[in-house]
Amino acid sequence: MSDESQIDIAQSFLTLYWKPGASKPQASRAHIAQRYELCEDMANMLAQTAQNMLHGQSLTEQLVLESLLSVLSQPESVLSAQEARWVIRRLAELSDWQWVESPDCPPKIL
């Protein structure tokens, strides 16, 4: 994937656009880079919100992440379901939290 873009897209994000056995992603490099920037920015912006929820509402890290996933997974969200899960995984990484991802649908909003 050669491109003039300076963005280094995380491999974990690229896999959202790569079907097993495919020789190339399902979207253009420019589209993937745009979506990656949006998702990375979202994870970084949610970091302070997550900390506030953890301490202000006395929630566990897992409940904070599940609640935020629920919000990001709403039908009116600008993120796909896969992108929303990636954002939460990235948020957990940025916060140095454990994230136990459930295969079930996102839980209800707290």
PDB file of N, CA and C in Angstrom:
ATOM      1  N   MET A   1       0.847  -1.186   0.000  1.00  0.00           N
ATOM      2  CA  MET A   1       0.000   0.000   0.000  1.00  0.00           C
ATOM      3  C   MET A   1       0.885   1.238   0.000  1.00  0.00           C
ATOM      4  N   SER A   2       1.280   1.668  -1.141  1.00  0.00           N
ATOM      5  CA  SER A   2       2.092   2.873  -1.197  1.00  0.00           C
ATOM      6  C   SER A   2       1.186   4.087  -1.338  1.00  0.00           C
ATOM      7  N   ASP A   3       1.575   5.131  -0.670  1.00  0.00           N
ATOM      8  CA  ASP A   3       0.798   6.356  -0.682  1.00  0.00           C
ATOM      9  C   ASP A   3       1.684   7.469  -0.183  1.00  0.00           C
ATOM     10  N   GLU A   4       1.336   8.683  -0.536  1.00  0.00           N
ATOM     11  CA  GLU A   4       2.125   9.822  -0.092  1.00  0.00           C
ATOM     12  C   GLU A   4       1.796  10.223   1.333  1.00  0.00           C
ATOM     13  N   SER A   5       0.788   9.616   1.917  1.00  0.00           N
ATOM     14  CA  SER A   5       0.372   9.940   3.273  1.00  0.00           C
ATOM     15  C   SER A   5       1.456   9.566   4.276  1.00  0.00           C
ATOM     16  N   GLN A   6       1.610  10.379   5.290  1.00  0.00           N
ATOM     17  CA  GLN A   6       2.590  10.149   6.346  1.00  0.00           C
ATOM     18  C   GLN A   6       2.008   9.321   7.494  1.00  0.00           C
ATOM     19  N   ILE A   7       0.735   8.987   7.401  1.00  0.00           N
ATOM     20  CA  ILE A   7       0.054   8.286   8.483  1.00  0.00           C
ATOM     21  C   ILE A   7       0.505   6.835   8.538  1.00  0.00           C
ATOM     22  N   ASP A   8       0.910   6.421   9.741  1.00  0.00           N
ATOM     23  CA  ASP A   8       1.271   5.031   9.988  1.00  0.00           C
ATOM     24  C   ASP A   8       0.049   4.362  10.608  1.00  0.00           C
ATOM     25  N   ILE A   9      -0.671   3.594   9.804  1.00  0.00           N
ATOM     26  CA  ILE A   9      -1.912   2.976  10.258  1.00  0.00           C
ATOM     27  C   ILE A   9      -1.591   1.701  11.027  1.00  0.00           C
ATOM     28  N   ALA A  10      -2.159   1.578  12.203  1.00  0.00           N
ATOM     29  CA  ALA A  10      -1.940   0.397  13.045  1.00  0.00           C
ATOM     30  C   ALA A  10      -2.434  -0.857  12.330  1.00  0.00           C
ATOM     31  N   GLN A  11      -1.653  -1.917  12.429  1.00  0.00           N
ATOM     32  CA  GLN A  11      -2.026  -3.188  11.805  1.00  0.00           C
ATOM     33  C   GLN A  11      -3.381  -3.676  12.320  1.00  0.00           C
ATOM     34  N   SER A  12      -3.634  -3.458  13.602  1.00  0.00           N
ATOM     35  CA  SER A  12      -4.916  -3.883  14.176  1.00  0.00           C
ATOM     36  C   SER A  12      -6.090  -3.188  13.502  1.00  0.00           C
ATOM     37  N   PHE A  13      -5.874  -1.967  13.030  1.00  0.00           N
ATOM     38  CA  PHE A  13      -6.938  -1.248  12.332  1.00  0.00           C
ATOM     39  C   PHE A  13      -7.060  -1.732  10.901  1.00  0.00           C
ATOM     40  N   LEU A  14      -5.935  -1.978  10.259  1.00  0.00           N
ATOM     41  CA  LEU A  14      -5.957  -2.470   8.877  1.00  0.00           C
ATOM     42  C   LEU A  14      -6.756  -3.763   8.750  1.00  0.00           C
ATOM     43  N   THR A  15      -6.687  -4.602   9.764  1.00  0.00           N
ATOM     44  CA  THR A  15      -7.400  -5.878   9.700  1.00  0.00           C
ATOM     45  C   THR A  15      -8.916  -5.688   9.612  1.00  0.00           C
ATOM     46  N   LEU A  16      -9.410  -4.521  10.001  1.00  0.00           N
ATOM     47  CA  LEU A  16     -10.845  -4.256   9.870  1.00  0.00           C
ATOM     48  C   LEU A  16     -11.269  -4.216   8.408  1.00  0.00           C
ATOM     49  N   TYR A  17     -10.344  -3.925   7.530  1.00  0.00           N
ATOM     50  CA  TYR A  17     -10.631  -3.759   6.109  1.00  0.00           C
ATOM     51  C   TYR A  17     -10.040  -4.869   5.244  1.00  0.00           C
ATOM     52  N   TRP A  18      -9.552  -5.913   5.848  1.00  0.00           N
ATOM     53  CA  TRP A  18      -8.872  -6.975   5.111  1.00  0.00           C
ATOM     54  C   TRP A  18      -9.576  -8.297   5.370  1.00  0.00           C
ATOM     55  N   LYS A  19     -10.202  -8.851   4.361  1.00  0.00           N
ATOM     56  CA  LYS A  19     -10.854 -10.152   4.516  1.00  0.00           C
ATOM     57  C   LYS A  19      -9.791 -11.244   4.472  1.00  0.00           C
ATOM     58  N   PRO A  20      -9.973 -12.304   5.249  1.00  0.00           N
ATOM     59  CA  PRO A  20      -9.016 -13.417   5.210  1.00  0.00           C
ATOM     60  C   PRO A  20      -8.872 -13.960   3.784  1.00  0.00           C
ATOM     61  N   GLY A  21      -7.642 -14.139   3.382  1.00  0.00           N
ATOM     62  CA  GLY A  21      -7.354 -14.656   2.051  1.00  0.00           C
ATOM     63  C   GLY A  21      -7.306 -13.612   0.955  1.00  0.00           C
ATOM     64  N   ALA A  22      -7.704 -12.401   1.257  1.00  0.00           N
ATOM     65  CA  ALA A  22      -7.682 -11.347   0.242  1.00  0.00           C
ATOM     66  C   ALA A  22      -6.265 -10.834   0.042  1.00  0.00           C
ATOM     67  N   SER A  23      -5.991 -10.365  -1.154  1.00  0.00           N
ATOM     68  CA  SER A  23      -4.653  -9.851  -1.442  1.00  0.00           C
ATOM     69  C   SER A  23      -4.548  -8.346  -1.213  1.00  0.00           C
ATOM     70  N   LYS A  24      -5.689  -7.697  -1.014  1.00  0.00           N
ATOM     71  CA  LYS A  24      -5.677  -6.262  -0.733  1.00  0.00           C
ATOM     72  C   LYS A  24      -6.887  -5.893   0.112  1.00  0.00           C
ATOM     73  N   PRO A  25      -6.842  -4.744   0.767  1.00  0.00           N
ATOM     74  CA  PRO A  25      -7.964  -4.332   1.622  1.00  0.00           C
ATOM     75  C   PRO A  25      -9.210  -4.019   0.805  1.00  0.00           C
ATOM     76  N   GLN A  26     -10.336  -3.932   1.493  1.00  0.00           N
ATOM     77  CA  GLN A  26     -11.625  -3.679   0.858  1.00  0.00           C
ATOM     78  C   GLN A  26     -11.869  -2.200   0.566  1.00  0.00           C
ATOM     79  N   ALA A  27     -10.966  -1.344   0.949  1.00  0.00           N
ATOM     80  CA  ALA A  27     -11.128   0.092   0.742  1.00  0.00           C
ATOM     81  C   ALA A  27      -9.789   0.690   0.324  1.00  0.00           C
ATOM     82  N   SER A  28      -9.847   1.892  -0.185  1.00  0.00           N
ATOM     83  CA  SER A  28      -8.622   2.575  -0.612  1.00  0.00           C
ATOM     84  C   SER A  28      -7.776   2.981   0.588  1.00  0.00           C
ATOM     85  N   ARG A  29      -6.515   3.175   0.347  1.00  0.00           N
ATOM     86  CA  ARG A  29      -5.588   3.625   1.394  1.00  0.00           C
ATOM     87  C   ARG A  29      -6.063   4.953   1.972  1.00  0.00           C
ATOM     88  N   ALA A  30      -6.520   5.845   1.115  1.00  0.00           N
ATOM     89  CA  ALA A  30      -6.981   7.160   1.580  1.00  0.00           C
ATOM     90  C   ALA A  30      -8.188   7.014   2.509  1.00  0.00           C
ATOM     91  N   HIS A  31      -9.129   6.146   2.146  1.00  0.00           N
ATOM     92  CA  HIS A  31     -10.312   5.940   2.984  1.00  0.00           C
ATOM     93  C   HIS A  31      -9.921   5.331   4.330  1.00  0.00           C
ATOM     94  N   ILE A  32      -9.074   4.313   4.294  1.00  0.00           N
ATOM     95  CA  ILE A  32      -8.644   3.662   5.535  1.00  0.00           C
ATOM     96  C   ILE A  32      -7.899   4.647   6.421  1.00  0.00           C
ATOM     97  N   ALA A  33      -7.029   5.465   5.830  1.00  0.00           N
ATOM     98  CA  ALA A  33      -6.280   6.459   6.604  1.00  0.00           C
ATOM     99  C   ALA A  33      -7.224   7.471   7.243  1.00  0.00           C
ATOM    100  N   GLN A  34      -8.244   7.890   6.506  1.00  0.00           N
ATOM    101  CA  GLN A  34      -9.219   8.842   7.039  1.00  0.00           C
ATOM    102  C   GLN A  34      -9.978   8.228   8.217  1.00  0.00           C
ATOM    103  N   ARG A  35     -10.422   6.992   8.075  1.00  0.00           N
ATOM    104  CA  ARG A  35     -11.149   6.319   9.142  1.00  0.00           C
ATOM    105  C   ARG A  35     -10.250   6.072  10.358  1.00  0.00           C
ATOM    106  N   TYR A  36      -8.992   5.726  10.089  1.00  0.00           N
ATOM    107  CA  TYR A  36      -8.041   5.496  11.176  1.00  0.00           C
ATOM    108  C   TYR A  36      -7.835   6.772  11.988  1.00  0.00           C
ATOM    109  N   GLU A  37      -7.642   7.880  11.295  1.00  0.00           N
ATOM    110  CA  GLU A  37      -7.464   9.157  12.004  1.00  0.00           C
ATOM    111  C   GLU A  37      -8.671   9.473  12.877  1.00  0.00           C
ATOM    112  N   LEU A  38      -9.869   9.263  12.335  1.00  0.00           N
ATOM    113  CA  LEU A  38     -11.095   9.504  13.105  1.00  0.00           C
ATOM    114  C   LEU A  38     -11.129   8.625  14.353  1.00  0.00           C
ATOM    115  N   CYS A  39     -10.839   7.342  14.187  1.00  0.00           N
ATOM    116  CA  CYS A  39     -10.913   6.403  15.310  1.00  0.00           C
ATOM    117  C   CYS A  39      -9.814   6.662  16.343  1.00  0.00           C
ATOM    118  N   GLU A  40      -8.619   6.958  15.891  1.00  0.00           N
ATOM    119  CA  GLU A  40      -7.520   7.260  16.815  1.00  0.00           C
ATOM    120  C   GLU A  40      -7.829   8.531  17.602  1.00  0.00           C
ATOM    121  N   ASP A  41      -8.342   9.544  16.914  1.00  0.00           N
ATOM    122  CA  ASP A  41      -8.731  10.786  17.591  1.00  0.00           C
ATOM    123  C   ASP A  41      -9.843  10.530  18.602  1.00  0.00           C
ATOM    124  N   MET A  42     -10.807   9.688  18.234  1.00  0.00           N
ATOM    125  CA  MET A  42     -11.913   9.379  19.135  1.00  0.00           C
ATOM    126  C   MET A  42     -11.395   8.704  20.399  1.00  0.00           C
ATOM    127  N   ALA A  43     -10.507   7.751  20.247  1.00  0.00           N
ATOM    128  CA  ALA A  43      -9.947   7.057  21.419  1.00  0.00           C
ATOM    129  C   ALA A  43      -9.216   8.039  22.326  1.00  0.00           C
ATOM    130  N   ASN A  44      -8.443   8.927  21.747  1.00  0.00           N
ATOM    131  CA  ASN A  44      -7.706   9.915  22.543  1.00  0.00           C
ATOM    132  C   ASN A  44      -8.647  10.900  23.221  1.00  0.00           C
ATOM    133  N   MET A  45      -9.694  11.320  22.524  1.00  0.00           N
ATOM    134  CA  MET A  45     -10.646  12.261  23.117  1.00  0.00           C
ATOM    135  C   MET A  45     -11.426  11.629  24.259  1.00  0.00           C
ATOM    136  N   LEU A  46     -11.682  10.333  24.172  1.00  0.00           N
ATOM    137  CA  LEU A  46     -12.459   9.656  25.214  1.00  0.00           C
ATOM    138  C   LEU A  46     -11.648   9.324  26.458  1.00  0.00           C
ATOM    139  N   ALA A  47     -10.344   9.468  26.389  1.00  0.00           N
ATOM    140  CA  ALA A  47      -9.495   9.091  27.525  1.00  0.00           C
ATOM    141  C   ALA A  47      -9.875   9.847  28.799  1.00  0.00           C
ATOM    142  N   GLN A  48     -10.067  11.145  28.712  1.00  0.00           N
ATOM    143  CA  GLN A  48     -10.420  11.928  29.902  1.00  0.00           C
ATOM    144  C   GLN A  48     -11.834  11.608  30.370  1.00  0.00           C
ATOM    145  N   THR A  49     -12.745  11.424  29.429  1.00  0.00           N
ATOM    146  CA  THR A  49     -14.111  11.037  29.777  1.00  0.00           C
ATOM    147  C   THR A  49     -14.115   9.715  30.536  1.00  0.00           C
ATOM    148  N   ALA A  50     -13.319   8.770  30.061  1.00  0.00           N
ATOM    149  CA  ALA A  50     -13.236   7.460  30.718  1.00  0.00           C
ATOM    150  C   ALA A  50     -12.703   7.600  32.139  1.00  0.00           C
ATOM    151  N   GLN A  51     -11.689   8.417  32.322  1.00  0.00           N
ATOM    152  CA  GLN A  51     -11.139   8.637  33.672  1.00  0.00           C
ATOM    153  C   GLN A  51     -12.184   9.276  34.582  1.00  0.00           C
ATOM    154  N   ASN A  52     -12.921  10.241  34.052  1.00  0.00           N
ATOM    155  CA  ASN A  52     -13.970  10.893  34.838  1.00  0.00           C
ATOM    156  C   ASN A  52     -15.054   9.908  35.246  1.00  0.00           C
ATOM    157  N   MET A  53     -15.431   9.033  34.321  1.00  0.00           N
ATOM    158  CA  MET A  53     -16.443   8.019  34.637  1.00  0.00           C
ATOM    159  C   MET A  53     -15.914   7.050  35.693  1.00  0.00           C
ATOM    160  N   LEU A  54     -14.668   6.659  35.570  1.00  0.00           N
ATOM    161  CA  LEU A  54     -14.071   5.711  36.506  1.00  0.00           C
ATOM    162  C   LEU A  54     -14.084   6.261  37.925  1.00  0.00           C
ATOM    163  N   HIS A  55     -13.678   7.502  38.068  1.00  0.00           N
ATOM    164  CA  HIS A  55     -13.549   8.087  39.405  1.00  0.00           C
ATOM    165  C   HIS A  55     -14.824   8.786  39.875  1.00  0.00           C
ATOM    166  N   GLY A  56     -15.515   9.457  38.974  1.00  0.00           N
ATOM    167  CA  GLY A  56     -16.704  10.211  39.356  1.00  0.00           C
ATOM    168  C   GLY A  56     -17.921   9.351  39.596  1.00  0.00           C
ATOM    169  N   GLN A  57     -18.022   8.245  38.892  1.00  0.00           N
ATOM    170  CA  GLN A  57     -19.191   7.381  39.035  1.00  0.00           C
ATOM    171  C   GLN A  57     -18.859   6.080  39.751  1.00  0.00           C
ATOM    172  N   SER A  58     -17.623   5.959  40.184  1.00  0.00           N
ATOM    173  CA  SER A  58     -17.167   4.756  40.898  1.00  0.00           C
ATOM    174  C   SER A  58     -17.460   3.473  40.128  1.00  0.00           C
ATOM    175  N   LEU A  59     -17.199   3.508  38.841  1.00  0.00           N
ATOM    176  CA  LEU A  59     -17.385   2.339  37.989  1.00  0.00           C
ATOM    177  C   LEU A  59     -16.071   1.589  37.860  1.00  0.00           C
ATOM    178  N   THR A  60     -16.154   0.339  37.442  1.00  0.00           N
ATOM    179  CA  THR A  60     -14.930  -0.407  37.124  1.00  0.00           C
ATOM    180  C   THR A  60     -14.479  -0.006  35.729  1.00  0.00           C
ATOM    181  N   GLU A  61     -13.226  -0.287  35.426  1.00  0.00           N
ATOM    182  CA  GLU A  61     -12.701   0.002  34.089  1.00  0.00           C
ATOM    183  C   GLU A  61     -13.529  -0.716  33.033  1.00  0.00           C
ATOM    184  N   GLN A  62     -13.867  -1.964  33.297  1.00  0.00           N
ATOM    185  CA  GLN A  62     -14.659  -2.762  32.347  1.00  0.00           C
ATOM    186  C   GLN A  62     -16.015  -2.119  32.080  1.00  0.00           C
ATOM    187  N   LEU A  63     -16.690  -1.655  33.129  1.00  0.00           N
ATOM    188  CA  LEU A  63     -17.997  -1.016  32.952  1.00  0.00           C
ATOM    189  C   LEU A  63     -17.893   0.298  32.192  1.00  0.00           C
ATOM    190  N   VAL A  64     -16.828   1.043  32.433  1.00  0.00           N
ATOM    191  CA  VAL A  64     -16.616   2.286  31.689  1.00  0.00           C
ATOM    192  C   VAL A  64     -16.474   1.971  30.202  1.00  0.00           C
ATOM    193  N   LEU A  65     -15.632   0.995  29.886  1.00  0.00           N
ATOM    194  CA  LEU A  65     -15.397   0.640  28.486  1.00  0.00           C
ATOM    195  C   LEU A  65     -16.661   0.094  27.830  1.00  0.00           C
ATOM    196  N   GLU A  66     -17.396  -0.733  28.543  1.00  0.00           N
ATOM    197  CA  GLU A  66     -18.642  -1.284  28.003  1.00  0.00           C
ATOM    198  C   GLU A  66     -19.661  -0.180  27.745  1.00  0.00           C
ATOM    199  N   SER A  67     -19.749   0.763  28.665  1.00  0.00           N
ATOM    200  CA  SER A  67     -20.686   1.865  28.505  1.00  0.00           C
ATOM    201  C   SER A  67     -20.322   2.730  27.297  1.00  0.00           C
ATOM    202  N   LEU A  68     -19.047   3.026  27.165  1.00  0.00           N
ATOM    203  CA  LEU A  68     -18.611   3.829  26.016  1.00  0.00           C
ATOM    204  C   LEU A  68     -18.798   3.072  24.707  1.00  0.00           C
ATOM    205  N   LEU A  69     -18.586   1.771  24.720  1.00  0.00           N
ATOM    206  CA  LEU A  69     -18.839   0.969  23.524  1.00  0.00           C
ATOM    207  C   LEU A  69     -20.315   1.040  23.140  1.00  0.00           C
ATOM    208  N   SER A  70     -21.167   0.994  24.129  1.00  0.00           N
ATOM    209  CA  SER A  70     -22.602   1.085  23.873  1.00  0.00           C
ATOM    210  C   SER A  70     -22.952   2.405  23.182  1.00  0.00           C
ATOM    211  N   VAL A  71     -22.366   3.478  23.659  1.00  0.00           N
ATOM    212  CA  VAL A  71     -22.616   4.795  23.058  1.00  0.00           C
ATOM    213  C   VAL A  71     -22.085   4.833  21.628  1.00  0.00           C
ATOM    214  N   LEU A  72     -20.868   4.346  21.421  1.00  0.00           N
ATOM    215  CA  LEU A  72     -20.257   4.381  20.087  1.00  0.00           C
ATOM    216  C   LEU A  72     -20.945   3.446  19.109  1.00  0.00           C
ATOM    217  N   SER A  73     -21.700   2.483  19.605  1.00  0.00           N
ATOM    218  CA  SER A  73     -22.357   1.489  18.754  1.00  0.00           C
ATOM    219  C   SER A  73     -23.796   1.855  18.397  1.00  0.00           C
ATOM    220  N   GLN A  74     -24.248   2.999  18.814  1.00  0.00           N
ATOM    221  CA  GLN A  74     -25.607   3.425  18.501  1.00  0.00           C
ATOM    222  C   GLN A  74     -25.771   3.562  16.988  1.00  0.00           C
ATOM    223  N   PRO A  75     -26.968   3.333  16.462  1.00  0.00           N
ATOM    224  CA  PRO A  75     -27.186   3.417  15.014  1.00  0.00           C
ATOM    225  C   PRO A  75     -26.787   4.762  14.394  1.00  0.00           C
ATOM    226  N   GLU A  76     -26.908   5.830  15.155  1.00  0.00           N
ATOM    227  CA  GLU A  76     -26.582   7.157  14.615  1.00  0.00           C
ATOM    228  C   GLU A  76     -25.090   7.486  14.711  1.00  0.00           C
ATOM    229  N   SER A  77     -24.298   6.566  15.191  1.00  0.00           N
ATOM    230  CA  SER A  77     -22.856   6.785  15.331  1.00  0.00           C
ATOM    231  C   SER A  77     -22.183   6.908  13.967  1.00  0.00           C
ATOM    232  N   VAL A  78     -21.116   7.651  13.926  1.00  0.00           N
ATOM    233  CA  VAL A  78     -20.340   7.792  12.692  1.00  0.00           C
ATOM    234  C   VAL A  78     -19.380   6.616  12.505  1.00  0.00           C
ATOM    235  N   LEU A  79     -19.318   5.728  13.489  1.00  0.00           N
ATOM    236  CA  LEU A  79     -18.418   4.584  13.438  1.00  0.00           C
ATOM    237  C   LEU A  79     -19.174   3.304  13.102  1.00  0.00           C
ATOM    238  N   SER A  80     -18.512   2.414  12.394  1.00  0.00           N
ATOM    239  CA  SER A  80     -19.081   1.081  12.195  1.00  0.00           C
ATOM    240  C   SER A  80     -18.926   0.314  13.513  1.00  0.00           C
ATOM    241  N   ALA A  81     -19.593  -0.810  13.627  1.00  0.00           N
ATOM    242  CA  ALA A  81     -19.485  -1.627  14.842  1.00  0.00           C
ATOM    243  C   ALA A  81     -18.038  -2.076  15.053  1.00  0.00           C
ATOM    244  N   GLN A  82     -17.358  -2.454  13.989  1.00  0.00           N
ATOM    245  CA  GLN A  82     -15.957  -2.883  14.108  1.00  0.00           C
ATOM    246  C   GLN A  82     -15.062  -1.724  14.526  1.00  0.00           C
ATOM    247  N   GLU A  83     -15.300  -0.550  13.974  1.00  0.00           N
ATOM    248  CA  GLU A  83     -14.518   0.623  14.357  1.00  0.00           C
ATOM    249  C   GLU A  83     -14.759   0.987  15.817  1.00  0.00           C
ATOM    250  N   ALA A  84     -16.006   0.896  16.269  1.00  0.00           N
ATOM    251  CA  ALA A  84     -16.323   1.215  17.661  1.00  0.00           C
ATOM    252  C   ALA A  84     -15.560   0.283  18.602  1.00  0.00           C
ATOM    253  N   ARG A  85     -15.523  -0.993  18.290  1.00  0.00           N
ATOM    254  CA  ARG A  85     -14.779  -1.942  19.116  1.00  0.00           C
ATOM    255  C   ARG A  85     -13.284  -1.639  19.082  1.00  0.00           C
ATOM    256  N   TRP A  86     -12.772  -1.236  17.920  1.00  0.00           N
ATOM    257  CA  TRP A  86     -11.360  -0.889  17.827  1.00  0.00           C
ATOM    258  C   TRP A  86     -11.060   0.334  18.703  1.00  0.00           C
ATOM    259  N   VAL A  87     -11.938   1.328  18.664  1.00  0.00           N
ATOM    260  CA  VAL A  87     -11.758   2.533  19.487  1.00  0.00           C
ATOM    261  C   VAL A  87     -11.688   2.154  20.963  1.00  0.00           C
ATOM    262  N   ILE A  88     -12.550   1.265  21.403  1.00  0.00           N
ATOM    263  CA  ILE A  88     -12.552   0.861  22.811  1.00  0.00           C
ATOM    264  C   ILE A  88     -11.283   0.084  23.146  1.00  0.00           C
ATOM    265  N   ARG A  89     -10.852  -0.798  22.255  1.00  0.00           N
ATOM    266  CA  ARG A  89      -9.581  -1.511  22.498  1.00  0.00           C
ATOM    267  C   ARG A  89      -8.425  -0.517  22.594  1.00  0.00           C
ATOM    268  N   ARG A  90      -8.431   0.476  21.723  1.00  0.00           N
ATOM    269  CA  ARG A  90      -7.367   1.489  21.724  1.00  0.00           C
ATOM    270  C   ARG A  90      -7.458   2.346  22.985  1.00  0.00           C
ATOM    271  N   LEU A  91      -8.653   2.709  23.396  1.00  0.00           N
ATOM    272  CA  LEU A  91      -8.844   3.482  24.625  1.00  0.00           C
ATOM    273  C   LEU A  91      -8.307   2.704  25.820  1.00  0.00           C
ATOM    274  N   ALA A  92      -8.600   1.425  25.886  1.00  0.00           N
ATOM    275  CA  ALA A  92      -8.089   0.585  26.980  1.00  0.00           C
ATOM    276  C   ALA A  92      -6.566   0.578  26.958  1.00  0.00           C
ATOM    277  N   GLU A  93      -5.997   0.478  25.781  1.00  0.00           N
ATOM    278  CA  GLU A  93      -4.535   0.492  25.646  1.00  0.00           C
ATOM    279  C   GLU A  93      -3.953   1.821  26.126  1.00  0.00           C
ATOM    280  N   LEU A  94      -4.554   2.924  25.701  1.00  0.00           N
ATOM    281  CA  LEU A  94      -4.082   4.252  26.105  1.00  0.00           C
ATOM    282  C   LEU A  94      -4.206   4.465  27.618  1.00  0.00           C
ATOM    283  N   SER A  95      -5.244   3.890  28.212  1.00  0.00           N
ATOM    284  CA  SER A  95      -5.509   4.047  29.646  1.00  0.00           C
ATOM    285  C   SER A  95      -4.785   3.012  30.491  1.00  0.00           C
ATOM    286  N   ASP A  96      -4.127   2.074  29.832  1.00  0.00           N
ATOM    287  CA  ASP A  96      -3.446   0.965  30.503  1.00  0.00           C
ATOM    288  C   ASP A  96      -4.439   0.150  31.325  1.00  0.00           C
ATOM    289  N   TRP A  97      -5.587  -0.131  30.720  1.00  0.00           N
ATOM    290  CA  TRP A  97      -6.644  -0.911  31.333  1.00  0.00           C
ATOM    291  C   TRP A  97      -6.756  -2.245  30.619  1.00  0.00           C
ATOM    292  N   GLN A  98      -7.277  -3.236  31.334  1.00  0.00           N
ATOM    293  CA  GLN A  98      -7.608  -4.520  30.713  1.00  0.00           C
ATOM    294  C   GLN A  98      -8.984  -4.394  30.070  1.00  0.00           C
ATOM    295  N   TRP A  99      -9.133  -4.964  28.884  1.00  0.00           N
ATOM    296  CA  TRP A  99     -10.433  -4.957  28.215  1.00  0.00           C
ATOM    297  C   TRP A  99     -10.777  -6.384  27.859  1.00  0.00           C
ATOM    298  N   VAL A 100     -11.840  -6.879  28.476  1.00  0.00           N
ATOM    299  CA  VAL A 100     -12.327  -8.212  28.178  1.00  0.00           C
ATOM    300  C   VAL A 100     -13.505  -8.033  27.227  1.00  0.00           C
ATOM    301  N   GLU A 101     -13.223  -8.260  25.955  1.00  0.00           N
ATOM    302  CA  GLU A 101     -14.238  -8.014  24.939  1.00  0.00           C
ATOM    303  C   GLU A 101     -15.228  -9.162  24.872  1.00  0.00           C
ATOM    304  N   SER A 102     -16.479  -8.816  24.971  1.00  0.00           N
ATOM    305  CA  SER A 102     -17.552  -9.799  24.898  1.00  0.00           C
ATOM    306  C   SER A 102     -18.034  -9.896  23.450  1.00  0.00           C
ATOM    307  N   PRO A 103     -18.283 -11.095  22.959  1.00  0.00           N
ATOM    308  CA  PRO A 103     -18.804 -11.227  21.594  1.00  0.00           C
ATOM    309  C   PRO A 103     -20.254 -10.792  21.483  1.00  0.00           C
ATOM    310  N   ASP A 104     -20.893 -10.570  22.621  1.00  0.00           N
ATOM    311  CA  ASP A 104     -22.297 -10.144  22.618  1.00  0.00           C
ATOM    312  C   ASP A 104     -22.423  -8.718  22.124  1.00  0.00           C
ATOM    313  N   CYS A 105     -23.644  -8.333  21.888  1.00  0.00           N
ATOM    314  CA  CYS A 105     -23.911  -6.955  21.507  1.00  0.00           C
ATOM    315  C   CYS A 105     -23.490  -6.032  22.655  1.00  0.00           C
ATOM    316  N   PRO A 106     -23.227  -4.768  22.345  1.00  0.00           N
ATOM    317  CA  PRO A 106     -22.861  -3.842  23.415  1.00  0.00           C
ATOM    318  C   PRO A 106     -23.939  -3.790  24.489  1.00  0.00           C
ATOM    319  N   PRO A 107     -23.536  -3.674  25.739  1.00  0.00           N
ATOM    320  CA  PRO A 107     -24.508  -3.585  26.833  1.00  0.00           C
ATOM    321  C   PRO A 107     -25.240  -2.245  26.805  1.00  0.00           C
ATOM    322  N   LYS A 108     -26.209  -2.130  27.661  1.00  0.00           N
ATOM    323  CA  LYS A 108     -26.966  -0.887  27.760  1.00  0.00           C
ATOM    324  C   LYS A 108     -26.090   0.224  28.308  1.00  0.00           C
ATOM    325  N   ILE A 109     -26.458   1.450  27.945  1.00  0.00           N
ATOM    326  CA  ILE A 109     -25.732   2.623  28.415  1.00  0.00           C
ATOM    327  C   ILE A 109     -26.000   2.812  29.900  1.00  0.00           C
ATOM    328  N   LEU A 110     -24.918   3.084  30.652  1.00  0.00           N
ATOM    329  CA  LEU A 110     -25.064   3.317  32.103  1.00  0.00           C
ATOM    330  C   LEU A 110     -25.585   4.706  32.361  1.00  0.00           C
TER     331      LEU A 110
END
